[in-house]
Amino acid sequence: MENENNTPAYKRPDPYRLEAFMPGTVQEICVKEGEEVKKGQKVLVLDAMKMDNELLSPVNGIVKKICVEAGKSIPKHALLIEFAPLQ
């Protein structure tokens, strides 16, 4: 969908998908699939621009799928972790 200036319309991020904010290397995965997490809990450490960035869970939920491996380089916007709502 585009607006009148032919620029892409703003797409609200899906809170159940954690994506890389910049390219980097996954240093540590702090959760396991099926684990319950709280909003704000550290779930992954991403090394980007020589800094370790702790990525936090955006929601209270269940870790549905871990889409990366520790030690691997990833591009910007790569899907890191998918979450599912609590039942």
PDB file of N, CA and C in Angstrom:
ATOM      1  N   MET A   1       0.842  -1.178   0.000  1.00  0.00           N
ATOM      2  CA  MET A   1       0.000   0.000   0.000  1.00  0.00           C
ATOM      3  C   MET A   1       0.886   1.239   0.000  1.00  0.00           C
ATOM      4  N   GLU A   2       0.556   2.205  -0.853  1.00  0.00           N
ATOM      5  CA  GLU A   2       1.333   3.427  -0.951  1.00  0.00           C
ATOM      6  C   GLU A   2       0.436   4.622  -0.681  1.00  0.00           C
ATOM      7  N   ASN A   3       1.045   5.721  -0.254  1.00  0.00           N
ATOM      8  CA  ASN A   3       0.273   6.945  -0.040  1.00  0.00           C
ATOM      9  C   ASN A   3       0.355   7.820  -1.286  1.00  0.00           C
ATOM     10  N   GLU A   4      -0.138   9.034  -1.213  1.00  0.00           N
ATOM     11  CA  GLU A   4      -0.204   9.900  -2.398  1.00  0.00           C
ATOM     12  C   GLU A   4       1.157  10.309  -2.937  1.00  0.00           C
ATOM     13  N   ASN A   5       2.224  10.192  -2.153  1.00  0.00           N
ATOM     14  CA  ASN A   5       3.576  10.541  -2.608  1.00  0.00           C
ATOM     15  C   ASN A   5       4.321   9.349  -3.179  1.00  0.00           C
ATOM     16  N   ASN A   6       3.617   8.234  -3.375  1.00  0.00           N
ATOM     17  CA  ASN A   6       4.206   6.994  -3.883  1.00  0.00           C
ATOM     18  C   ASN A   6       5.297   6.433  -2.977  1.00  0.00           C
ATOM     19  N   THR A   7       5.219   6.749  -1.707  1.00  0.00           N
ATOM     20  CA  THR A   7       6.127   6.161  -0.729  1.00  0.00           C
ATOM     21  C   THR A   7       5.371   5.074   0.027  1.00  0.00           C
ATOM     22  N   PRO A   8       6.075   4.053   0.464  1.00  0.00           N
ATOM     23  CA  PRO A   8       5.381   2.977   1.185  1.00  0.00           C
ATOM     24  C   PRO A   8       4.689   3.503   2.439  1.00  0.00           C
ATOM     25  N   ALA A   9       3.507   3.009   2.696  1.00  0.00           N
ATOM     26  CA  ALA A   9       2.773   3.386   3.898  1.00  0.00           C
ATOM     27  C   ALA A   9       3.460   2.758   5.111  1.00  0.00           C
ATOM     28  N   TYR A  10       3.319   3.420   6.248  1.00  0.00           N
ATOM     29  CA  TYR A  10       3.906   2.900   7.485  1.00  0.00           C
ATOM     30  C   TYR A  10       3.273   1.555   7.816  1.00  0.00           C
ATOM     31  N   LYS A  11       4.120   0.591   8.140  1.00  0.00           N
ATOM     32  CA  LYS A  11       3.647  -0.737   8.535  1.00  0.00           C
ATOM     33  C   LYS A  11       4.030  -0.936   9.997  1.00  0.00           C
ATOM     34  N   ARG A  12       3.024  -1.064  10.852  1.00  0.00           N
ATOM     35  CA  ARG A  12       3.273  -1.257  12.278  1.00  0.00           C
ATOM     36  C   ARG A  12       3.972  -2.603  12.484  1.00  0.00           C
ATOM     37  N   PRO A  13       5.058  -2.626  13.263  1.00  0.00           N
ATOM     38  CA  PRO A  13       5.748  -3.893  13.505  1.00  0.00           C
ATOM     39  C   PRO A  13       4.855  -4.882  14.257  1.00  0.00           C
ATOM     40  N   ASP A  14       5.019  -6.146  13.927  1.00  0.00           N
ATOM     41  CA  ASP A  14       4.285  -7.204  14.617  1.00  0.00           C
ATOM     42  C   ASP A  14       4.967  -7.445  15.965  1.00  0.00           C
ATOM     43  N   PRO A  15       4.281  -7.229  17.082  1.00  0.00           N
ATOM     44  CA  PRO A  15       4.932  -7.385  18.391  1.00  0.00           C
ATOM     45  C   PRO A  15       5.340  -8.829  18.694  1.00  0.00           C
ATOM     46  N   TYR A  16       4.826  -9.791  17.939  1.00  0.00           N
ATOM     47  CA  TYR A  16       5.169 -11.188  18.170  1.00  0.00           C
ATOM     48  C   TYR A  16       6.335 -11.663  17.300  1.00  0.00           C
ATOM     49  N   ARG A  17       7.002 -10.718  16.620  1.00  0.00           N
ATOM     50  CA  ARG A  17       8.175 -11.026  15.797  1.00  0.00           C
ATOM     51  C   ARG A  17       9.307 -10.098  16.220  1.00  0.00           C
ATOM     52  N   LEU A  18      10.402 -10.672  16.681  1.00  0.00           N
ATOM     53  CA  LEU A  18      11.576  -9.880  17.048  1.00  0.00           C
ATOM     54  C   LEU A  18      12.536  -9.904  15.869  1.00  0.00           C
ATOM     55  N   GLU A  19      12.815  -8.716  15.307  1.00  0.00           N
ATOM     56  CA  GLU A  19      13.685  -8.600  14.140  1.00  0.00           C
ATOM     57  C   GLU A  19      14.937  -7.810  14.502  1.00  0.00           C
ATOM     58  N   ALA A  20      16.005  -8.057  13.753  1.00  0.00           N
ATOM     59  CA  ALA A  20      17.268  -7.353  13.974  1.00  0.00           C
ATOM     60  C   ALA A  20      17.126  -5.893  13.569  1.00  0.00           C
ATOM     61  N   PHE A  21      17.544  -4.992  14.436  1.00  0.00           N
ATOM     62  CA  PHE A  21      17.460  -3.563  14.149  1.00  0.00           C
ATOM     63  C   PHE A  21      18.626  -3.096  13.282  1.00  0.00           C
ATOM     64  N   MET A  22      19.675  -3.934  13.174  1.00  0.00           N
ATOM     65  CA  MET A  22      20.820  -3.655  12.313  1.00  0.00           C
ATOM     66  C   MET A  22      21.571  -4.954  12.083  1.00  0.00           C
ATOM     67  N   PRO A  23      22.448  -5.012  11.081  1.00  0.00           N
ATOM     68  CA  PRO A  23      23.197  -6.245  10.866  1.00  0.00           C
ATOM     69  C   PRO A  23      24.133  -6.516  12.035  1.00  0.00           C
ATOM     70  N   GLY A  24      24.431  -7.776  12.262  1.00  0.00           N
ATOM     71  CA  GLY A  24      25.331  -8.119  13.355  1.00  0.00           C
ATOM     72  C   GLY A  24      25.542  -9.611  13.456  1.00  0.00           C
ATOM     73  N   THR A  25      26.082 -10.028  14.584  1.00  0.00           N
ATOM     74  CA  THR A  25      26.345 -11.437  14.862  1.00  0.00           C
ATOM     75  C   THR A  25      25.620 -11.824  16.138  1.00  0.00           C
ATOM     76  N   VAL A  26      24.899 -12.921  16.085  1.00  0.00           N
ATOM     77  CA  VAL A  26      24.187 -13.421  17.268  1.00  0.00           C
ATOM     78  C   VAL A  26      25.231 -13.981  18.234  1.00  0.00           C
ATOM     79  N   GLN A  27      25.352 -13.371  19.405  1.00  0.00           N
ATOM     80  CA  GLN A  27      26.326 -13.811  20.399  1.00  0.00           C
ATOM     81  C   GLN A  27      25.768 -14.882  21.325  1.00  0.00           C
ATOM     82  N   GLU A  28      24.510 -14.700  21.724  1.00  0.00           N
ATOM     83  CA  GLU A  28      23.912 -15.610  22.713  1.00  0.00           C
ATOM     84  C   GLU A  28      22.400 -15.634  22.541  1.00  0.00           C
ATOM     85  N   ILE A  29      21.835 -16.821  22.644  1.00  0.00           N
ATOM     86  CA  ILE A  29      20.380 -16.978  22.679  1.00  0.00           C
ATOM     87  C   ILE A  29      20.041 -17.391  24.099  1.00  0.00           C
ATOM     88  N   CYS A  30      19.235 -16.590  24.770  1.00  0.00           N
ATOM     89  CA  CYS A  30      19.006 -16.744  26.206  1.00  0.00           C
ATOM     90  C   CYS A  30      17.724 -17.509  26.545  1.00  0.00           C
ATOM     91  N   VAL A  31      16.987 -17.951  25.554  1.00  0.00           N
ATOM     92  CA  VAL A  31      15.721 -18.669  25.778  1.00  0.00           C
ATOM     93  C   VAL A  31      15.674 -19.912  24.896  1.00  0.00           C
ATOM     94  N   LYS A  32      14.700 -20.759  25.162  1.00  0.00           N
ATOM     95  CA  LYS A  32      14.484 -21.971  24.366  1.00  0.00           C
ATOM     96  C   LYS A  32      13.070 -21.958  23.798  1.00  0.00           C
ATOM     97  N   GLU A  33      12.878 -22.654  22.695  1.00  0.00           N
ATOM     98  CA  GLU A  33      11.535 -22.767  22.132  1.00  0.00           C
ATOM     99  C   GLU A  33      10.608 -23.409  23.158  1.00  0.00           C
ATOM    100  N   GLY A  34       9.393 -22.867  23.260  1.00  0.00           N
ATOM    101  CA  GLY A  34       8.414 -23.369  24.215  1.00  0.00           C
ATOM    102  C   GLY A  34       8.484 -22.694  25.575  1.00  0.00           C
ATOM    103  N   GLU A  35       9.508 -21.902  25.811  1.00  0.00           N
ATOM    104  CA  GLU A  35       9.685 -21.224  27.096  1.00  0.00           C
ATOM    105  C   GLU A  35       8.757 -20.013  27.206  1.00  0.00           C
ATOM    106  N   GLU A  36       8.207 -19.806  28.381  1.00  0.00           N
ATOM    107  CA  GLU A  36       7.387 -18.623  28.640  1.00  0.00           C
ATOM    108  C   GLU A  36       8.305 -17.460  28.987  1.00  0.00           C
ATOM    109  N   VAL A  37       8.034 -16.293  28.386  1.00  0.00           N
ATOM    110  CA  VAL A  37       8.847 -15.105  28.649  1.00  0.00           C
ATOM    111  C   VAL A  37       7.959 -13.942  29.060  1.00  0.00           C
ATOM    112  N   LYS A  38       8.554 -13.027  29.792  1.00  0.00           N
ATOM    113  CA  LYS A  38       7.872 -11.796  30.215  1.00  0.00           C
ATOM    114  C   LYS A  38       8.351 -10.645  29.334  1.00  0.00           C
ATOM    115  N   LYS A  39       7.495  -9.662  29.117  1.00  0.00           N
ATOM    116  CA  LYS A  39       7.867  -8.473  28.365  1.00  0.00           C
ATOM    117  C   LYS A  39       9.054  -7.811  29.062  1.00  0.00           C
ATOM    118  N   GLY A  40      10.099  -7.498  28.299  1.00  0.00           N
ATOM    119  CA  GLY A  40      11.294  -6.880  28.861  1.00  0.00           C
ATOM    120  C   GLY A  40      12.373  -7.857  29.280  1.00  0.00           C
ATOM    121  N   GLN A  41      12.116  -9.156  29.179  1.00  0.00           N
ATOM    122  CA  GLN A  41      13.099 -10.179  29.544  1.00  0.00           C
ATOM    123  C   GLN A  41      14.146 -10.295  28.433  1.00  0.00           C
ATOM    124  N   LYS A  42      15.417 -10.426  28.802  1.00  0.00           N
ATOM    125  CA  LYS A  42      16.484 -10.600  27.812  1.00  0.00           C
ATOM    126  C   LYS A  42      16.299 -11.944  27.114  1.00  0.00           C
ATOM    127  N   VAL A  43      16.267 -11.909  25.765  1.00  0.00           N
ATOM    128  CA  VAL A  43      16.080 -13.142  25.009  1.00  0.00           C
ATOM    129  C   VAL A  43      17.251 -13.449  24.081  1.00  0.00           C
ATOM    130  N   LEU A  44      18.038 -12.418  23.732  1.00  0.00           N
ATOM    131  CA  LEU A  44      19.105 -12.630  22.759  1.00  0.00           C
ATOM    132  C   LEU A  44      20.134 -11.510  22.892  1.00  0.00           C
ATOM    133  N   VAL A  45      21.392 -11.822  22.598  1.00  0.00           N
ATOM    134  CA  VAL A  45      22.448 -10.806  22.577  1.00  0.00           C
ATOM    135  C   VAL A  45      22.981 -10.732  21.151  1.00  0.00           C
ATOM    136  N   LEU A  46      22.933  -9.526  20.576  1.00  0.00           N
ATOM    137  CA  LEU A  46      23.380  -9.287  19.208  1.00  0.00           C
ATOM    138  C   LEU A  46      24.585  -8.355  19.235  1.00  0.00           C
ATOM    139  N   ASP A  47      25.697  -8.803  18.649  1.00  0.00           N
ATOM    140  CA  ASP A  47      26.881  -7.958  18.532  1.00  0.00           C
ATOM    141  C   ASP A  47      26.740  -7.157  17.244  1.00  0.00           C
ATOM    142  N   ALA A  48      26.646  -5.842  17.382  1.00  0.00           N
ATOM    143  CA  ALA A  48      26.529  -4.961  16.224  1.00  0.00           C
ATOM    144  C   ALA A  48      27.418  -3.748  16.457  1.00  0.00           C
ATOM    145  N   MET A  49      28.258  -3.452  15.501  1.00  0.00           N
ATOM    146  CA  MET A  49      29.183  -2.315  15.584  1.00  0.00           C
ATOM    147  C   MET A  49      30.066  -2.402  16.830  1.00  0.00           C
ATOM    148  N   LYS A  50      30.542  -3.605  17.119  1.00  0.00           N
ATOM    149  CA  LYS A  50      31.455  -3.873  18.241  1.00  0.00           C
ATOM    150  C   LYS A  50      30.823  -3.624  19.604  1.00  0.00           C
ATOM    151  N   MET A  51      29.490  -3.686  19.658  1.00  0.00           N
ATOM    152  CA  MET A  51      28.787  -3.537  20.933  1.00  0.00           C
ATOM    153  C   MET A  51      27.836  -4.709  21.109  1.00  0.00           C
ATOM    154  N   ASP A  52      27.767  -5.246  22.315  1.00  0.00           N
ATOM    155  CA  ASP A  52      26.791  -6.286  22.619  1.00  0.00           C
ATOM    156  C   ASP A  52      25.476  -5.618  22.994  1.00  0.00           C
ATOM    157  N   ASN A  53      24.437  -5.923  22.243  1.00  0.00           N
ATOM    158  CA  ASN A  53      23.111  -5.343  22.465  1.00  0.00           C
ATOM    159  C   ASN A  53      22.185  -6.429  22.994  1.00  0.00           C
ATOM    160  N   GLU A  54      21.639  -6.214  24.182  1.00  0.00           N
ATOM    161  CA  GLU A  54      20.681  -7.160  24.753  1.00  0.00           C
ATOM    162  C   GLU A  54      19.310  -6.867  24.161  1.00  0.00           C
ATOM    163  N   LEU A  55      18.733  -7.842  23.469  1.00  0.00           N
ATOM    164  CA  LEU A  55      17.401  -7.678  22.902  1.00  0.00           C
ATOM    165  C   LEU A  55      16.396  -8.280  23.865  1.00  0.00           C
ATOM    166  N   LEU A  56      15.323  -7.548  24.099  1.00  0.00           N
ATOM    167  CA  LEU A  56      14.330  -7.915  25.102  1.00  0.00           C
ATOM    168  C   LEU A  56      13.041  -8.381  24.441  1.00  0.00           C
ATOM    169  N   SER A  57      12.329  -9.228  25.145  1.00  0.00           N
ATOM    170  CA  SER A  57      11.036  -9.699  24.635  1.00  0.00           C
ATOM    171  C   SER A  57      10.071  -8.519  24.537  1.00  0.00           C
ATOM    172  N   PRO A  58       9.420  -8.357  23.376  1.00  0.00           N
ATOM    173  CA  PRO A  58       8.469  -7.253  23.226  1.00  0.00           C
ATOM    174  C   PRO A  58       7.104  -7.546  23.847  1.00  0.00           C
ATOM    175  N   VAL A  59       6.872  -8.801  24.260  1.00  0.00           N
ATOM    176  CA  VAL A  59       5.554  -9.218  24.762  1.00  0.00           C
ATOM    177  C   VAL A  59       5.692 -10.243  25.877  1.00  0.00           C
ATOM    178  N   ASN A  60       4.616 -10.419  26.642  1.00  0.00           N
ATOM    179  CA  ASN A  60       4.475 -11.596  27.491  1.00  0.00           C
ATOM    180  C   ASN A  60       3.997 -12.696  26.558  1.00  0.00           C
ATOM    181  N   GLY A  61       4.682 -13.819  26.527  1.00  0.00           N
ATOM    182  CA  GLY A  61       4.270 -14.875  25.609  1.00  0.00           C
ATOM    183  C   GLY A  61       5.118 -16.116  25.722  1.00  0.00           C
ATOM    184  N   ILE A  62       5.025 -16.937  24.683  1.00  0.00           N
ATOM    185  CA  ILE A  62       5.764 -18.196  24.573  1.00  0.00           C
ATOM    186  C   ILE A  62       6.713 -18.071  23.388  1.00  0.00           C
ATOM    187  N   VAL A  63       7.937 -18.554  23.534  1.00  0.00           N
ATOM    188  CA  VAL A  63       8.883 -18.571  22.414  1.00  0.00           C
ATOM    189  C   VAL A  63       8.398 -19.649  21.447  1.00  0.00           C
ATOM    190  N   LYS A  64       7.881 -19.209  20.318  1.00  0.00           N
ATOM    191  CA  LYS A  64       7.318 -20.131  19.314  1.00  0.00           C
ATOM    192  C   LYS A  64       8.430 -20.729  18.457  1.00  0.00           C
ATOM    193  N   LYS A  65       9.354 -19.870  17.977  1.00  0.00           N
ATOM    194  CA  LYS A  65      10.417 -20.356  17.093  1.00  0.00           C
ATOM    195  C   LYS A  65      11.632 -19.452  17.204  1.00  0.00           C
ATOM    196  N   ILE A  66      12.798 -20.067  17.323  1.00  0.00           N
ATOM    197  CA  ILE A  66      14.064 -19.338  17.278  1.00  0.00           C
ATOM    198  C   ILE A  66      14.599 -19.513  15.863  1.00  0.00           C
ATOM    199  N   CYS A  67      14.797 -18.419  15.165  1.00  0.00           N
ATOM    200  CA  CYS A  67      15.100 -18.451  13.737  1.00  0.00           C
ATOM    201  C   CYS A  67      16.577 -18.239  13.407  1.00  0.00           C
ATOM    202  N   VAL A  68      17.430 -18.132  14.420  1.00  0.00           N
ATOM    203  CA  VAL A  68      18.857 -17.886  14.212  1.00  0.00           C
ATOM    204  C   VAL A  68      19.671 -18.826  15.087  1.00  0.00           C
ATOM    205  N   GLU A  69      20.978 -18.848  14.837  1.00  0.00           N
ATOM    206  CA  GLU A  69      21.895 -19.654  15.645  1.00  0.00           C
ATOM    207  C   GLU A  69      22.986 -18.750  16.198  1.00  0.00           C
ATOM    208  N   ALA A  70      23.461 -19.064  17.394  1.00  0.00           N
ATOM    209  CA  ALA A  70      24.563 -18.312  17.986  1.00  0.00           C
ATOM    210  C   ALA A  70      25.791 -18.430  17.090  1.00  0.00           C
ATOM    211  N   GLY A  71      26.502 -17.310  16.939  1.00  0.00           N
ATOM    212  CA  GLY A  71      27.709 -17.283  16.129  1.00  0.00           C
ATOM    213  C   GLY A  71      27.474 -16.926  14.672  1.00  0.00           C
ATOM    214  N   LYS A  72      26.229 -16.861  14.245  1.00  0.00           N
ATOM    215  CA  LYS A  72      25.908 -16.562  12.847  1.00  0.00           C
ATOM    216  C   LYS A  72      25.717 -15.066  12.629  1.00  0.00           C
ATOM    217  N   SER A  73      26.161 -14.581  11.474  1.00  0.00           N
ATOM    218  CA  SER A  73      25.922 -13.192  11.076  1.00  0.00           C
ATOM    219  C   SER A  73      24.530 -13.095  10.469  1.00  0.00           C
ATOM    220  N   ILE A  74      23.861 -11.992  10.748  1.00  0.00           N
ATOM    221  CA  ILE A  74      22.510 -11.795  10.235  1.00  0.00           C
ATOM    222  C   ILE A  74      22.384 -10.387   9.642  1.00  0.00           C
ATOM    223  N   PRO A  75      21.493 -10.223   8.647  1.00  0.00           N
ATOM    224  CA  PRO A  75      21.281  -8.897   8.057  1.00  0.00           C
ATOM    225  C   PRO A  75      20.260  -8.090   8.864  1.00  0.00           C
ATOM    226  N   LYS A  76      20.186  -6.807   8.563  1.00  0.00           N
ATOM    227  CA  LYS A  76      19.171  -5.939   9.162  1.00  0.00           C
ATOM    228  C   LYS A  76      17.787  -6.494   8.808  1.00  0.00           C
ATOM    229  N   HIS A  77      16.870  -6.429   9.733  1.00  0.00           N
ATOM    230  CA  HIS A  77      15.478  -6.885   9.607  1.00  0.00           C
ATOM    231  C   HIS A  77      15.326  -8.404   9.587  1.00  0.00           C
ATOM    232  N   ALA A  78      16.395  -9.145   9.849  1.00  0.00           N
ATOM    233  CA  ALA A  78      16.277 -10.608   9.901  1.00  0.00           C
ATOM    234  C   ALA A  78      15.364 -10.989  11.055  1.00  0.00           C
ATOM    235  N   LEU A  79      14.521 -11.978  10.831  1.00  0.00           N
ATOM    236  CA  LEU A  79      13.651 -12.482  11.889  1.00  0.00           C
ATOM    237  C   LEU A  79      14.504 -13.290  12.857  1.00  0.00           C
ATOM    238  N   LEU A  80      14.487 -12.899  14.124  1.00  0.00           N
ATOM    239  CA  LEU A  80      15.292 -13.561  15.147  1.00  0.00           C
ATOM    240  C   LEU A  80      14.468 -14.582  15.928  1.00  0.00           C
ATOM    241  N   ILE A  81      13.358 -14.116  16.490  1.00  0.00           N
ATOM    242  CA  ILE A  81      12.514 -14.980  17.323  1.00  0.00           C
ATOM    243  C   ILE A  81      11.050 -14.648  17.056  1.00  0.00           C
ATOM    244  N   GLU A  82      10.237 -15.697  16.976  1.00  0.00           N
ATOM    245  CA  GLU A  82       8.786 -15.529  16.892  1.00  0.00           C
ATOM    246  C   GLU A  82       8.174 -15.925  18.222  1.00  0.00           C
ATOM    247  N   PHE A  83       7.187 -15.167  18.666  1.00  0.00           N
ATOM    248  CA  PHE A  83       6.504 -15.436  19.922  1.00  0.00           C
ATOM    249  C   PHE A  83       5.043 -15.783  19.649  1.00  0.00           C
ATOM    250  N   ALA A  84       4.436 -16.475  20.585  1.00  0.00           N
ATOM    251  CA  ALA A  84       3.012 -16.764  20.528  1.00  0.00           C
ATOM    252  C   ALA A  84       2.367 -16.187  21.789  1.00  0.00           C
ATOM    253  N   PRO A  85       1.112 -15.766  21.683  1.00  0.00           N
ATOM    254  CA  PRO A  85       0.429 -15.233  22.880  1.00  0.00           C
ATOM    255  C   PRO A  85       0.278 -16.325  23.949  1.00  0.00           C
ATOM    256  N   LEU A  86       0.219 -15.877  25.197  1.00  0.00           N
ATOM    257  CA  LEU A  86      -0.068 -16.810  26.292  1.00  0.00           C
ATOM    258  C   LEU A  86      -1.514 -17.291  26.149  1.00  0.00           C
ATOM    259  N   GLN A  87      -1.750 -18.527  26.486  1.00  0.00           N
ATOM    260  CA  GLN A  87      -3.123 -19.080  26.400  1.00  0.00           C
ATOM    261  C   GLN A  87      -3.908 -18.749  27.638  1.00  0.00           C
TER     262      GLN A  87
END
